Amino acid sequence: MLSQPRDPAEALQSLRSWVKQAEIDGGLRPGLTADERQCLTELERENRELRRANEILKSASAFFARELDPRPPHS
């Protein structure tokens, strides 16, 4: 659902943005299409999640390596 702009300047800016995106999507202007932008956003989100999972796995690996180390801890 679209919200109504508070003033005419805001409406004009929204209209300009929509026209610009339509021109990009239509190949009339360089830039990321709406589909490309959505794909990029999803890939960036997935990348963040994978980096976070990787950090968790690194921490868990280090923890278990210390727990399973047969050498006595250093004092």
N, C-alpha and C. Protein backbone atom coordinates (compact mmCIF):
# COMPACT_ATOMS: atom_id res chain seq x y z
N MET A 1 0.84 -1.17 0.00
CA MET A 1 0.00 0.00 0.00
C MET A 1 0.89 1.24 0.00
N LEU A 2 0.57 2.18 -0.84
CA LEU A 2 1.34 3.41 -0.94
C LEU A 2 0.79 4.44 0.03
N SER A 3 1.70 5.17 0.63
CA SER A 3 1.26 6.24 1.53
C SER A 3 1.21 7.54 0.74
N GLN A 4 0.34 8.41 1.16
CA GLN A 4 0.23 9.70 0.49
C GLN A 4 1.33 10.63 0.98
N PRO A 5 1.96 11.35 0.06
CA PRO A 5 3.01 12.29 0.47
C PRO A 5 2.41 13.45 1.26
N ARG A 6 3.23 14.03 2.10
CA ARG A 6 2.77 15.13 2.96
C ARG A 6 2.70 16.45 2.21
N ASP A 7 3.55 16.62 1.22
CA ASP A 7 3.54 17.88 0.49
C ASP A 7 3.82 17.62 -0.99
N PRO A 8 3.52 18.59 -1.84
CA PRO A 8 3.73 18.40 -3.28
C PRO A 8 5.18 18.11 -3.65
N ALA A 9 6.13 18.68 -2.96
CA ALA A 9 7.54 18.42 -3.26
C ALA A 9 7.88 16.95 -3.04
N GLU A 10 7.31 16.38 -1.99
CA GLU A 10 7.54 14.96 -1.71
C GLU A 10 6.91 14.10 -2.80
N ALA A 11 5.72 14.49 -3.25
CA ALA A 11 5.05 13.75 -4.33
C ALA A 11 5.86 13.83 -5.62
N LEU A 12 6.40 15.00 -5.92
CA LEU A 12 7.19 15.19 -7.12
C LEU A 12 8.45 14.34 -7.07
N GLN A 13 9.10 14.28 -5.91
CA GLN A 13 10.31 13.46 -5.77
C GLN A 13 10.00 11.98 -5.94
N SER A 14 8.88 11.54 -5.39
CA SER A 14 8.46 10.14 -5.56
C SER A 14 8.22 9.83 -7.03
N LEU A 15 7.54 10.74 -7.70
CA LEU A 15 7.26 10.55 -9.12
C LEU A 15 8.56 10.48 -9.93
N ARG A 16 9.49 11.36 -9.62
CA ARG A 16 10.79 11.33 -10.32
C ARG A 16 11.49 10.00 -10.10
N SER A 17 11.46 9.51 -8.87
CA SER A 17 12.10 8.22 -8.56
C SER A 17 11.46 7.09 -9.34
N TRP A 18 10.13 7.09 -9.42
CA TRP A 18 9.43 6.03 -10.14
C TRP A 18 9.75 6.09 -11.63
N VAL A 19 9.77 7.30 -12.19
CA VAL A 19 10.08 7.45 -13.62
C VAL A 19 11.51 6.99 -13.89
N LYS A 20 12.44 7.40 -13.03
CA LYS A 20 13.83 6.99 -13.20
C LYS A 20 13.95 5.47 -13.18
N GLN A 21 13.29 4.81 -12.21
CA GLN A 21 13.37 3.36 -12.12
C GLN A 21 12.73 2.71 -13.34
N ALA A 22 11.63 3.27 -13.83
CA ALA A 22 10.98 2.72 -15.03
C ALA A 22 11.92 2.84 -16.24
N GLU A 23 12.64 3.95 -16.34
CA GLU A 23 13.59 4.13 -17.44
C GLU A 23 14.74 3.12 -17.34
N ILE A 24 15.20 2.86 -16.12
CA ILE A 24 16.27 1.87 -15.92
C ILE A 24 15.74 0.48 -16.29
N ASP A 25 14.55 0.15 -15.78
CA ASP A 25 13.96 -1.16 -16.07
C ASP A 25 13.72 -1.35 -17.56
N GLY A 26 13.43 -0.26 -18.27
CA GLY A 26 13.17 -0.32 -19.70
C GLY A 26 14.41 -0.26 -20.55
N GLY A 27 15.57 -0.11 -19.94
CA GLY A 27 16.82 -0.07 -20.67
C GLY A 27 17.15 1.29 -21.26
N LEU A 28 16.43 2.31 -20.85
CA LEU A 28 16.66 3.66 -21.37
C LEU A 28 17.71 4.43 -20.58
N ARG A 29 18.04 3.93 -19.42
CA ARG A 29 18.97 4.62 -18.53
C ARG A 29 19.84 3.56 -17.86
N PRO A 30 21.13 3.86 -17.66
CA PRO A 30 21.98 2.87 -16.97
C PRO A 30 21.63 2.77 -15.49
N GLY A 31 21.86 1.59 -14.94
CA GLY A 31 21.62 1.37 -13.51
C GLY A 31 21.07 -0.02 -13.28
N LEU A 32 20.86 -0.33 -12.02
CA LEU A 32 20.32 -1.64 -11.65
C LEU A 32 18.81 -1.65 -11.84
N THR A 33 18.31 -2.68 -12.52
CA THR A 33 16.86 -2.83 -12.65
C THR A 33 16.29 -3.21 -11.29
N ALA A 34 14.98 -3.12 -11.18
CA ALA A 34 14.32 -3.48 -9.92
C ALA A 34 14.61 -4.95 -9.57
N ASP A 35 14.59 -5.82 -10.58
CA ASP A 35 14.90 -7.24 -10.33
C ASP A 35 16.34 -7.44 -9.89
N GLU A 36 17.26 -6.73 -10.53
CA GLU A 36 18.68 -6.83 -10.16
C GLU A 36 18.90 -6.30 -8.74
N ARG A 37 18.23 -5.20 -8.42
CA ARG A 37 18.36 -4.61 -7.09
C ARG A 37 17.83 -5.56 -6.02
N GLN A 38 16.70 -6.21 -6.31
CA GLN A 38 16.14 -7.19 -5.37
C GLN A 38 17.08 -8.37 -5.19
N CYS A 39 17.64 -8.86 -6.30
CA CYS A 39 18.57 -9.99 -6.25
C CYS A 39 19.81 -9.60 -5.45
N LEU A 40 20.34 -8.41 -5.69
CA LEU A 40 21.51 -7.93 -4.96
C LEU A 40 21.22 -7.84 -3.47
N THR A 41 20.06 -7.32 -3.11
CA THR A 41 19.67 -7.22 -1.70
C THR A 41 19.62 -8.60 -1.05
N GLU A 42 19.03 -9.56 -1.77
CA GLU A 42 18.94 -10.92 -1.23
C GLU A 42 20.32 -11.55 -1.09
N LEU A 43 21.19 -11.33 -2.06
CA LEU A 43 22.55 -11.88 -1.99
C LEU A 43 23.35 -11.25 -0.85
N GLU A 44 23.18 -9.94 -0.64
CA GLU A 44 23.87 -9.27 0.47
C GLU A 44 23.39 -9.81 1.80
N ARG A 45 22.07 -10.06 1.93
CA ARG A 45 21.52 -10.62 3.17
C ARG A 45 22.08 -12.02 3.40
N GLU A 46 22.09 -12.84 2.34
CA GLU A 46 22.62 -14.20 2.46
C GLU A 46 24.11 -14.16 2.83
N ASN A 47 24.85 -13.23 2.24
CA ASN A 47 26.27 -13.09 2.54
C ASN A 47 26.48 -12.76 4.02
N ARG A 48 25.68 -11.82 4.55
CA ARG A 48 25.78 -11.48 5.99
C ARG A 48 25.50 -12.69 6.86
N GLU A 49 24.46 -13.45 6.51
CA GLU A 49 24.11 -14.64 7.29
C GLU A 49 25.22 -15.68 7.24
N LEU A 50 25.80 -15.88 6.06
CA LEU A 50 26.88 -16.86 5.93
C LEU A 50 28.14 -16.42 6.68
N ARG A 51 28.44 -15.12 6.64
CA ARG A 51 29.59 -14.62 7.41
C ARG A 51 29.37 -14.83 8.90
N ARG A 52 28.15 -14.56 9.36
CA ARG A 52 27.83 -14.76 10.79
C ARG A 52 27.94 -16.25 11.16
N ALA A 53 27.40 -17.11 10.32
CA ALA A 53 27.49 -18.56 10.58
C ALA A 53 28.95 -19.00 10.58
N ASN A 54 29.76 -18.45 9.69
CA ASN A 54 31.17 -18.80 9.63
C ASN A 54 31.88 -18.39 10.92
N GLU A 55 31.57 -17.20 11.43
CA GLU A 55 32.18 -16.75 12.69
C GLU A 55 31.77 -17.66 13.85
N ILE A 56 30.51 -18.06 13.88
CA ILE A 56 30.04 -18.97 14.93
C ILE A 56 30.78 -20.30 14.84
N LEU A 57 30.92 -20.82 13.63
CA LEU A 57 31.62 -22.09 13.46
C LEU A 57 33.10 -21.98 13.83
N LYS A 58 33.73 -20.86 13.52
CA LYS A 58 35.13 -20.65 13.92
C LYS A 58 35.25 -20.65 15.44
N SER A 59 34.34 -19.94 16.11
CA SER A 59 34.37 -19.89 17.57
C SER A 59 34.15 -21.27 18.18
N ALA A 60 33.18 -22.00 17.63
CA ALA A 60 32.90 -23.35 18.14
C ALA A 60 34.09 -24.27 17.91
N SER A 61 34.71 -24.16 16.76
CA SER A 61 35.88 -24.98 16.44
C SER A 61 37.01 -24.70 17.42
N ALA A 62 37.27 -23.43 17.70
CA ALA A 62 38.33 -23.07 18.64
C ALA A 62 38.00 -23.58 20.04
N PHE A 63 36.73 -23.46 20.44
CA PHE A 63 36.31 -23.93 21.76
C PHE A 63 36.55 -25.43 21.90
N PHE A 64 36.08 -26.20 20.92
CA PHE A 64 36.23 -27.65 21.01
C PHE A 64 37.68 -28.08 20.86
N ALA A 65 38.47 -27.35 20.10
CA ALA A 65 39.89 -27.66 19.99
C ALA A 65 40.56 -27.51 21.36
N ARG A 66 40.20 -26.47 22.10
CA ARG A 66 40.76 -26.28 23.45
C ARG A 66 40.27 -27.37 24.40
N GLU A 67 38.99 -27.71 24.30
CA GLU A 67 38.42 -28.73 25.19
C GLU A 67 39.02 -30.11 24.95
N LEU A 68 39.34 -30.40 23.72
CA LEU A 68 39.84 -31.73 23.37
C LEU A 68 41.36 -31.83 23.37
N ASP A 69 42.03 -30.72 23.64
CA ASP A 69 43.51 -30.71 23.66
C ASP A 69 43.97 -31.50 24.87
N PRO A 70 44.77 -32.55 24.66
CA PRO A 70 45.21 -33.40 25.77
C PRO A 70 46.27 -32.74 26.64
N ARG A 71 46.89 -31.68 26.16
CA ARG A 71 47.92 -31.00 26.97
C ARG A 71 47.29 -30.23 28.11
N PRO A 72 47.95 -30.18 29.25
CA PRO A 72 47.41 -29.40 30.38
C PRO A 72 47.45 -27.91 30.04
N PRO A 73 46.49 -27.15 30.58
CA PRO A 73 46.47 -25.70 30.30
C PRO A 73 47.66 -25.01 30.92
N HIS A 74 48.11 -23.92 30.26
CA HIS A 74 49.22 -23.13 30.77
C HIS A 74 48.73 -22.21 31.87
N SER A 75 49.54 -22.04 32.92
CA SER A 75 49.15 -21.17 34.03
C SER A 75 49.93 -19.89 34.00
